[in-house]
Protein backbone atom coordinates (compact mmCIF):
# COMPACT_ATOMS: atom_id res chain seq x y z
CA MET A 1 0.17 0.00 0.09
CA VAL A 2 0.98 3.47 -0.99
CA GLU A 3 0.82 6.30 1.64
CA VAL A 4 -0.30 9.67 0.30
CA THR A 5 1.24 12.08 2.06
CA PRO A 6 -0.19 15.91 2.26
CA GLU A 7 3.03 17.45 0.66
CA ALA A 8 1.97 15.04 -2.41
CA ILE A 9 -1.63 16.05 -2.18
CA GLU A 10 -0.32 19.56 -1.85
CA ALA A 11 2.20 19.23 -5.29
CA ALA A 12 -0.67 17.56 -7.29
CA GLN A 13 -3.15 20.05 -6.23
CA GLY A 14 -0.73 22.53 -7.58
CA GLY A 15 -0.49 20.49 -11.02
CA LEU A 16 -3.61 20.23 -11.89
CA ALA A 17 -4.28 24.13 -11.22
CA ALA A 18 -1.41 24.49 -13.08
CA GLY A 19 -3.08 22.34 -16.14
CA ALA A 20 -6.21 24.41 -15.83
CA ALA A 21 -4.64 27.42 -16.34
CA VAL A 22 -3.02 26.01 -19.51
CA ALA A 23 -6.26 24.79 -20.61
CA VAL A 24 -8.01 27.96 -20.38
CA GLN A 25 -5.03 30.29 -22.23
CA ASN A 26 -4.98 27.63 -24.81
CA PHE A 27 -9.10 27.84 -25.43
CA THR A 28 -8.85 31.87 -25.19
CA ASN A 29 -6.33 31.76 -28.14
CA LEU A 30 -8.22 29.26 -30.09
CA ILE A 31 -11.28 31.72 -30.49
CA ALA A 32 -9.10 34.48 -31.09
CA LEU A 33 -7.75 32.54 -34.21
CA ARG A 34 -11.36 31.41 -35.68
CA GLY A 35 -12.21 35.36 -35.31
CA ASN A 36 -9.50 36.89 -37.26
CA GLY A 37 -7.28 34.25 -38.57
CA THR A 38 -4.45 35.65 -36.06
CA PRO A 39 -3.80 34.20 -32.45
CA SER A 40 -4.31 36.97 -29.97
CA THR A 41 -2.16 37.14 -26.30
CA PRO A 42 -4.36 38.50 -23.51
CA THR A 43 -2.59 40.93 -21.24
CA ASN A 44 -2.98 38.56 -18.09
CA ALA A 45 -1.33 35.63 -19.68
CA ASN A 46 1.44 35.57 -17.21
CA ALA A 47 -1.25 36.22 -14.25
CA PRO A 48 -2.40 33.47 -11.97
CA ILE A 49 -5.21 31.59 -12.97
CA ASN A 50 -7.86 30.80 -9.89
CA GLY A 51 -12.17 31.12 -10.03
CA GLN A 52 -12.08 34.31 -10.52
CA GLY A 53 -9.24 34.71 -13.08
CA ASP A 54 -11.47 31.93 -15.44
CA ALA A 55 -14.66 34.51 -15.41
CA VAL A 56 -12.35 37.07 -16.42
CA ALA A 57 -10.48 35.19 -19.32
CA ALA A 58 -14.12 34.19 -20.38
CA ALA A 59 -15.47 37.82 -20.68
CA ALA A 60 -12.17 38.88 -22.13
CA ALA A 61 -12.64 35.82 -24.84
CA ALA A 62 -16.19 36.83 -25.70
CA GLU A 63 -15.74 40.04 -26.12
CA ASP A 64 -12.55 39.44 -28.72
CA VAL A 65 -15.29 37.19 -30.59
CA ALA A 66 -18.06 39.58 -30.84
CA THR A 67 -15.88 42.33 -31.54
CA SER A 68 -13.72 40.41 -34.08
CA ASP A 69 -14.30 41.25 -37.91
CA TYR A 70 -15.43 37.52 -39.80
CA THR A 71 -14.11 36.95 -42.97
CA PRO A 72 -15.89 34.14 -44.43
CA PRO A 73 -13.98 31.61 -47.01
CA ALA A 74 -14.78 31.58 -50.05
CA PRO A 75 -17.70 29.08 -51.54
CA ARG A 76 -15.47 27.14 -53.56
CA THR A 77 -13.71 25.69 -50.47
CA ALA A 78 -17.19 23.55 -49.75
CA PHE A 79 -17.29 22.30 -53.03
CA SER A 80 -15.84 19.20 -52.68
CA SER A 81 -18.25 18.32 -49.38
CA PHE A 82 -21.50 17.47 -52.11
CA ILE A 83 -19.75 15.11 -53.83
CA ASP A 84 -21.96 12.78 -54.75
CA HIS A 85 -25.05 14.84 -53.69
CA PRO A 86 -25.87 16.82 -56.70
CA ASN A 87 -29.11 17.99 -55.54
CA GLU A 88 -27.48 19.25 -51.77
CA PHE A 89 -25.19 21.41 -54.25
CA ILE A 90 -27.56 22.92 -56.27
CA VAL A 91 -29.60 24.27 -53.64
CA PHE A 92 -26.29 25.37 -51.47
CA LEU A 93 -25.57 27.17 -55.00
CA GLU A 94 -28.61 28.86 -55.33
CA SER A 95 -28.83 29.36 -51.43
CA CYS A 96 -25.32 31.48 -51.87
CA LEU A 97 -26.16 33.54 -54.56
CA GLU A 98 -28.65 34.85 -52.66
CA SER A 99 -25.81 36.63 -50.42
CA PRO A 100 -25.44 40.45 -51.41
CA GLU A 101 -21.84 40.35 -49.86
CA LEU A 102 -20.45 38.24 -52.86
CA SER A 103 -17.12 39.24 -54.98
CA LYS A 104 -17.09 38.78 -58.65
CA SER A 105 -14.52 35.59 -58.59
CA ASP A 106 -17.25 34.09 -55.94
CA LYS A 107 -20.12 34.97 -58.56
CA THR A 108 -18.27 33.79 -61.63
CA ASP A 109 -18.19 30.63 -59.90
CA LEU A 110 -21.58 30.02 -58.30
CA TYR A 111 -23.08 30.58 -61.70
CA THR A 112 -20.59 28.55 -64.14
CA THR A 113 -21.32 25.38 -61.48
CA LEU A 114 -24.74 26.04 -61.39
CA PHE A 115 -25.06 26.42 -65.07
CA GLU A 116 -22.87 23.18 -64.90
CA MET A 117 -24.92 21.00 -62.27
CA TYR A 118 -28.12 21.89 -64.45
CA LEU A 119 -26.66 20.15 -67.39
CA HIS A 120 -25.85 17.56 -65.61
CA LYS A 121 -29.43 17.10 -64.23
CA ALA A 122 -30.83 17.53 -67.42
CA SER A 123 -28.54 14.96 -68.80
CA GLU A 124 -29.65 12.53 -66.40
CA LYS A 125 -33.91 13.32 -67.03
CA LYS A 126 -35.85 12.59 -69.85
CA GLY A 127 -39.00 14.54 -71.67
CA GLU A 128 -40.52 16.96 -68.96
CA GLY A 129 -37.70 16.67 -66.33
CA ARG A 130 -35.14 17.41 -68.89
CA GLU A 131 -36.78 20.24 -70.26
CA GLU A 132 -37.07 21.91 -66.73
CA TRP A 133 -33.63 21.50 -65.86
CA GLU A 134 -32.66 23.08 -69.69
CA ALA A 135 -34.98 25.52 -68.98
CA LYS A 136 -32.99 27.23 -65.56
CA ALA A 137 -29.97 26.53 -67.59
CA LYS A 138 -31.48 29.07 -70.41
CA LYS A 139 -32.85 31.69 -67.73
CA LEU A 140 -28.91 31.76 -66.15
CA ILE A 141 -27.46 32.23 -70.22
CA GLY A 142 -29.99 35.27 -70.69
CA GLY A 143 -29.94 36.58 -67.37
CA GLU A 144 -28.71 39.94 -66.63
CA ASP A 145 -25.46 40.63 -65.20
CA ILE A 146 -24.61 37.42 -64.37
CA PRO A 147 -20.71 37.08 -64.86
CA MET A 148 -20.30 33.93 -67.06
CA GLU A 149 -17.62 33.42 -69.25
CA SER A 150 -19.06 32.67 -72.63
CA SER A 151 -16.12 30.49 -73.70
CA ASN A 152 -17.23 28.36 -70.47
CA VAL A 153 -21.08 28.46 -71.62
CA LEU A 154 -19.94 27.65 -74.91
CA LEU A 155 -17.69 24.52 -73.33
CA LEU A 156 -20.08 23.26 -71.08
CA SER A 157 -23.17 23.41 -73.34
CA ASP A 158 -21.03 21.28 -76.11
CA LEU A 159 -19.97 18.67 -73.53
CA SER A 160 -23.45 18.07 -72.72
CA GLY A 161 -25.21 18.66 -75.84
CA PHE A 162 -27.24 21.28 -75.03
CA LYS A 163 -27.62 23.32 -78.20
CA ASP A 164 -29.69 26.18 -77.27
CA GLY A 165 -27.10 27.07 -74.52
CA THR A 166 -24.84 27.60 -77.84
CA ILE A 167 -27.24 29.30 -79.58
CA LEU A 168 -28.06 31.53 -77.23
CA VAL A 169 -24.15 33.02 -76.61
CA LYS A 170 -23.99 33.23 -80.47
CA GLU A 171 -27.25 35.26 -80.63
CA GLN A 172 -25.68 37.81 -77.82
CA ALA A 173 -22.27 38.04 -79.80
CA GLY A 174 -24.48 38.37 -82.75
CA LEU A 175 -22.80 35.53 -84.45
CA LEU A 176 -25.91 35.18 -86.70
CA PHE A 177 -24.13 33.29 -89.53
CA ASP A 178 -22.19 30.52 -87.68
CA ILE A 179 -26.01 29.55 -86.21
CA PHE A 180 -26.45 28.71 -89.61
CA ARG A 181 -23.60 27.45 -90.62
CA SER A 182 -24.00 24.83 -87.47
CA TYR A 183 -27.13 23.76 -89.07
CA THR A 184 -26.27 23.50 -92.39
CA SER A 185 -22.90 21.52 -91.45
CA ALA A 186 -24.91 19.09 -89.45
CA LYS A 187 -27.47 18.68 -92.40
CA ASP A 188 -30.00 19.49 -89.97
CA THR A 189 -32.13 21.42 -92.77
CA ARG A 190 -35.23 22.12 -90.46
CA GLY A 191 -32.76 23.51 -87.90
CA ALA A 192 -31.62 25.58 -90.88
CA MET A 193 -34.89 26.58 -92.51
CA LYS A 194 -36.10 28.03 -89.02
CA ALA A 195 -32.54 30.15 -88.61
CA LEU A 196 -33.61 31.51 -91.79
CA ARG A 197 -36.43 32.58 -90.69
CA LYS A 198 -35.35 34.17 -87.09
CA TYR A 199 -32.23 35.57 -88.52
CA GLY A 200 -32.61 36.10 -92.04
CA PRO A 201 -34.55 39.64 -91.78
CA GLU A 202 -31.60 41.25 -89.55
CA GLU A 203 -29.24 39.21 -91.50
CA PRO A 204 -29.80 39.19 -95.50
CA GLN A 205 -26.49 37.19 -96.92
CA LEU A 206 -28.11 34.53 -95.46
CA TYR A 207 -30.40 34.01 -97.90
CA PRO A 208 -27.73 33.36 -100.74
CA ALA A 209 -26.12 30.82 -98.08
CA ALA A 210 -29.46 28.92 -97.92
CA LEU A 211 -30.08 28.91 -101.76
CA ALA A 212 -26.40 27.80 -101.80
CA TYR A 213 -27.50 24.57 -98.63
CA LEU A 214 -30.37 23.67 -100.75
CA THR A 215 -29.49 22.73 -103.74
CA SER A 216 -26.28 21.32 -102.75
CA HIS A 217 -27.70 17.39 -102.58
CA PRO A 218 -30.89 16.36 -103.73
CA GLN A 219 -32.00 15.08 -100.39
CA ILE A 220 -31.72 18.32 -98.78
CA LEU A 221 -33.70 19.81 -101.62
CA ASP A 222 -36.47 16.80 -101.17
CA GLU A 223 -36.46 17.44 -97.28
CA ALA A 224 -36.68 21.14 -97.57
CA GLY A 225 -38.95 21.26 -100.27
CA PRO A 226 -40.30 23.50 -103.22
CA ASP A 227 -41.82 26.05 -101.33
CA GLU A 228 -39.19 27.09 -98.93
CA LEU A 229 -36.82 27.22 -102.17
CA ALA A 230 -39.24 29.65 -103.87
CA GLY A 231 -39.57 31.59 -100.45
CA VAL A 232 -35.84 31.89 -100.74
CA LEU A 233 -35.68 32.54 -104.48
CA ASN A 234 -38.33 35.21 -103.75
CA LYS A 235 -36.45 36.96 -101.11
CA ILE A 236 -33.23 37.44 -103.07
CA ASP A 237 -35.10 38.66 -105.61
CA LYS A 238 -36.91 41.27 -104.31
CA ASP A 239 -34.50 42.41 -102.22
CA GLY A 240 -31.60 42.25 -105.24
CA LEU A 241 -29.22 40.21 -102.92
CA MET A 242 -28.21 38.03 -105.87
CA ALA A 243 -27.99 39.31 -109.88
CA PRO A 244 -30.28 36.34 -111.70
CA LEU A 245 -26.89 35.05 -113.30
CA GLN A 246 -25.71 34.31 -109.88
CA VAL A 247 -28.66 32.85 -108.93
CA LEU A 248 -28.72 30.76 -111.93
CA GLN A 249 -25.02 29.74 -111.30
CA THR A 250 -25.96 28.78 -107.63
CA MET A 251 -28.85 26.34 -108.67
CA MET A 252 -26.84 24.61 -111.18
CA GLY A 253 -23.40 24.12 -109.34
CA GLN A 254 -21.40 26.41 -111.75
CA GLY A 255 -21.03 29.29 -108.96
CA GLY A 256 -20.17 26.81 -106.07
CA ASP A 257 -22.25 25.38 -103.18
CA GLY A 258 -20.70 26.76 -100.52
CA GLY A 259 -18.97 23.40 -99.11
CA THR A 260 -21.90 21.72 -98.33
CA GLY A 261 -22.49 19.19 -101.10
CA GLU A 262 -22.33 18.75 -104.55
CA GLY A 263 -24.10 21.25 -106.07
CA GLY A 264 -26.31 22.08 -109.27
CA VAL A 265 -29.32 19.67 -108.33
CA ALA A 266 -31.85 22.50 -108.58
CA THR A 267 -34.38 21.12 -112.08
CA MET A 268 -35.41 23.42 -115.11
CA GLY A 269 -38.90 23.41 -113.47
CA MET A 270 -37.66 24.71 -110.23
CA ILE A 271 -35.49 27.65 -112.34
CA LYS A 272 -38.39 27.88 -114.70
CA PRO A 273 -41.18 30.14 -112.44
CA TYR A 274 -37.69 32.28 -110.85
CA LEU A 275 -36.63 32.79 -114.73
CA HIS A 276 -40.33 34.30 -116.11
CA GLU A 277 -40.95 36.02 -113.64
CA ILE A 278 -37.61 37.80 -113.96
CA ILE A 279 -37.98 37.96 -117.88
CA ASP A 280 -41.35 39.56 -117.53
CA ARG A 281 -40.29 42.10 -115.32
CA GLU A 282 -37.08 42.84 -117.54
CA ARG A 283 -39.55 43.29 -120.38
CA ARG A 284 -42.21 45.79 -118.30
CA GLU A 285 -39.15 48.21 -117.22
CA ILE A 286 -38.42 47.69 -120.69
CA ALA A 287 -41.15 49.01 -121.76
CA SER A 288 -41.87 51.28 -119.59
CA ASN A 289 -38.12 52.77 -120.20
CA ARG A 290 -38.69 53.33 -124.38
CA ARG A 291 -42.52 55.40 -122.99
CA ARG A 292 -40.32 57.33 -121.31
CA ILE A 293 -37.56 58.08 -124.02
CA ALA A 294 -40.86 58.83 -126.32
CA ALA A 295 -42.16 61.22 -124.19
CA PHE A 296 -38.57 62.94 -123.64
CA ARG A 297 -37.88 63.27 -127.21
CA SER A 298 -41.35 64.67 -127.97
CA GLU A 299 -40.53 67.43 -125.09
CA THR A 300 -37.24 68.12 -126.30
CA GLU A 301 -38.46 68.63 -129.84
CA GLN A 302 -41.50 70.93 -128.59
CA LYS A 303 -39.00 72.82 -126.36
CA ARG A 304 -36.86 73.44 -129.20
CA THR A 305 -39.39 74.18 -131.87
CA GLU A 306 -40.44 77.05 -129.06
CA LEU A 307 -36.90 78.39 -128.66
CA ALA A 308 -36.59 78.61 -132.76
CA GLU A 309 -39.99 80.24 -133.07
CA LEU A 310 -38.80 82.78 -130.04
CA SER A 311 -35.64 83.73 -131.44
CA THR A 312 -36.91 83.77 -135.36
CA LYS A 313 -40.51 85.17 -135.22
CA PRO A 314 -42.58 87.58 -133.82
CA ALA A 315 -44.58 86.79 -130.65
CA VAL A 316 -48.60 87.46 -130.63
CA PHE A 317 -50.15 88.14 -127.41
CA GLN A 318 -53.69 87.43 -127.52
CA ALA A 319 -54.60 87.23 -123.08
CA THR A 320 -57.32 89.76 -122.51
CA ARG A 321 -57.12 89.64 -118.80
CA CYS A 322 -54.39 90.14 -116.08
CA SER A 323 -52.27 87.35 -114.97
CA ASP A 324 -52.27 88.71 -111.90
CA CYS A 325 -55.92 90.62 -110.48
CA GLY A 326 -57.56 88.97 -113.63
CA GLN A 327 -59.02 92.07 -114.54
CA SER A 328 -59.43 93.20 -118.40
CA LEU A 329 -56.28 94.31 -119.51
CA GLU A 330 -55.78 98.05 -119.52
CA LEU A 331 -52.62 100.11 -120.70
CA PRO A 332 -49.80 100.19 -119.80
CA VAL A 333 -49.52 96.67 -119.93
CA VAL A 334 -46.50 94.62 -119.89
CA HIS A 335 -46.08 91.50 -122.09
CA PHE A 336 -43.59 88.39 -121.31
CA LEU A 337 -42.37 85.54 -123.58
CA CYS A 338 -44.45 82.78 -121.74
CA LYS A 339 -47.23 84.48 -122.66
CA HIS A 340 -48.18 85.73 -119.09
CA SER A 341 -49.78 89.57 -119.63
CA PHE A 342 -49.88 92.16 -116.53
CA HIS A 343 -50.82 95.16 -115.90
CA GLN A 344 -48.18 97.62 -115.29
CA ARG A 345 -49.27 98.84 -112.09
CA CYS A 346 -49.74 94.66 -110.90
CA LEU A 347 -46.09 94.66 -111.18
CA ARG A 348 -43.10 95.10 -108.45
CA GLY A 349 -41.07 97.69 -109.91
CA GLY A 350 -43.83 98.21 -112.70
CA GLY A 351 -42.06 95.98 -114.62
CA ALA A 352 -39.02 98.05 -116.46
CA GLY A 353 -34.78 96.89 -117.33
CA PRO A 354 -34.01 94.12 -118.32
CA GLU A 355 -34.04 91.94 -115.08
CA ALA A 356 -37.58 92.42 -115.20
CA GLU A 357 -39.35 88.78 -114.69
CA CYS A 358 -42.64 87.16 -114.77
CA PRO A 359 -43.55 86.43 -111.31
CA LEU A 360 -45.51 83.19 -111.99
CA CYS A 361 -42.61 81.95 -113.79
CA ALA A 362 -39.87 83.16 -111.37
CA LYS A 363 -40.28 80.13 -109.11
CA ASP A 364 -39.65 77.72 -111.81
CA ASN A 365 -36.71 79.65 -113.70
CA ALA A 366 -35.07 80.06 -110.65
CA THR A 367 -34.90 76.28 -110.03
CA ILE A 368 -33.53 75.36 -113.55
CA ARG A 369 -30.93 78.25 -113.23
CA ALA A 370 -29.88 76.45 -109.91
CA LEU A 371 -29.58 73.28 -111.93
CA ARG A 372 -27.64 74.54 -114.58
CA ARG A 373 -25.34 75.96 -111.92
CA SER A 374 -25.23 72.77 -110.22
CA GLN A 375 -24.78 70.69 -113.85
CA ALA A 376 -21.81 73.67 -114.07
CA GLU A 377 -20.00 72.69 -111.08
CA ASN A 378 -20.26 68.98 -111.13
CA ALA A 379 -18.65 68.91 -114.72
CA ASP A 380 -15.40 69.65 -113.66
CA LYS A 381 -15.42 66.60 -110.85
CA HIS A 382 -14.09 63.82 -113.13
CA GLU A 383 -12.33 62.21 -109.79
CA LEU A 384 -15.99 62.47 -107.51
CA PHE A 385 -17.21 60.87 -110.91
CA ARG A 386 -14.75 57.61 -110.92
CA ASN A 387 -14.85 56.84 -107.73
CA GLU A 388 -18.86 56.69 -107.39
CA LEU A 389 -18.88 54.73 -110.51
CA GLU A 390 -16.31 52.15 -108.75
CA ARG A 391 -18.51 51.98 -105.13
CA SER A 392 -21.85 51.98 -107.60
CA GLU A 393 -23.74 48.31 -107.35
CA ASP A 394 -25.49 49.96 -110.89
CA ARG A 395 -22.75 51.18 -112.78
CA PHE A 396 -24.93 52.69 -115.82
CA ALA A 397 -27.83 54.56 -113.76
CA THR A 398 -24.64 56.11 -112.05
CA VAL A 399 -23.32 56.92 -115.47
CA ALA A 400 -26.41 58.06 -116.67
CA ASP A 401 -26.83 60.42 -113.46
CA TRP A 402 -23.71 62.12 -113.72
CA PHE A 403 -24.35 62.16 -117.89
CA GLY A 404 -27.69 64.46 -116.54
CA ARG A 405 -25.20 66.47 -114.28
CA GLY A 406 -23.34 67.84 -117.26
CA VAL A 407 -19.85 65.89 -116.32
CA MET A 408 -19.51 64.97 -119.81
CA ASP A 409 -20.21 68.20 -121.56
CA VAL A 410 -18.06 69.62 -124.11
CA PRO A 411 -17.37 73.53 -123.32
CA ASN A 412 -17.83 75.57 -125.88
CA VAL A 413 -14.75 76.76 -127.29
CA GLU A 414 -15.08 80.87 -128.15
């Protein structure tokens, strides 16, 4: 039997007290570490610990926790805790996004990961369940102020077979032609025609590409049907997107097929309505131009005859009423060669002097003089004429317009 002496009991009690002091000190330091990430050293660390000292230390520790600034960790640090728990992970991500104090980088991580989880859930579902998760993914892409990188969205959409995501990103970037090309490359005729109807008004050059695609292979043309081909041709013809010769070359395979197939599978029966409309319109335009030419020639001859008569024959004035007041003419009377007659009192300044002008014809005469001045100024602008001719799509019309301006007039040599 071991005898326990009073000295041993006192020494043991002293050791327990010292151990309690160390434990309280460590707990205080741990609380400070969890609060701001750096341990704090209390001012009474070397003071002896007793019952009153324990209470003071605990109160000081509680005050440090209350007043310290706590910086939460980044949400990414918790992602690994949700492995094999996708539903709980989605709830966690959506809850984190409700916090108003997230940094931009944290938002990017959360939205991108949430988009990936939506696509993951969609790949596990079929029917309505898949559509529900895909709708959530589309809502993320189409939302405002959502910091997701377009490259990440395209990559995730491609890996998951989420075509709507790829299309939405390209729409936001204005890559409408690329969307159409993605359908034609996949030989998705129905999708290509749907994209053409949606983006065609904004991107007219899709119609020539659609014509090349539809006439690239017999199977594609059969799948689209003659109505789609006729609609594309009508749009091209109406908006002048291609010259008739270019249309024929594309449909007959001489203008290239855009790398989509063999090209030139359209039959003459498909081309005939288009050619018939083009030829009829050209004939009507030619007939209209001929009528205008005849009218201009007749008017020109009439004006020349009038000028010859005015310069060689005496003018006969038969007006009986003033062209201004409408009353019977009384002397003194002023007659103009335009066959208008006025009382002298009805004219401003009395109609005297060589600069006197018929007030009824003054406006038209001023317009003609302005046109002549403009023609004289444009007659020497050959460089401007050449630049406009190079940029013009209808060079014949440009030449005719500048010809009327007098750019080709031969100067008079005195």
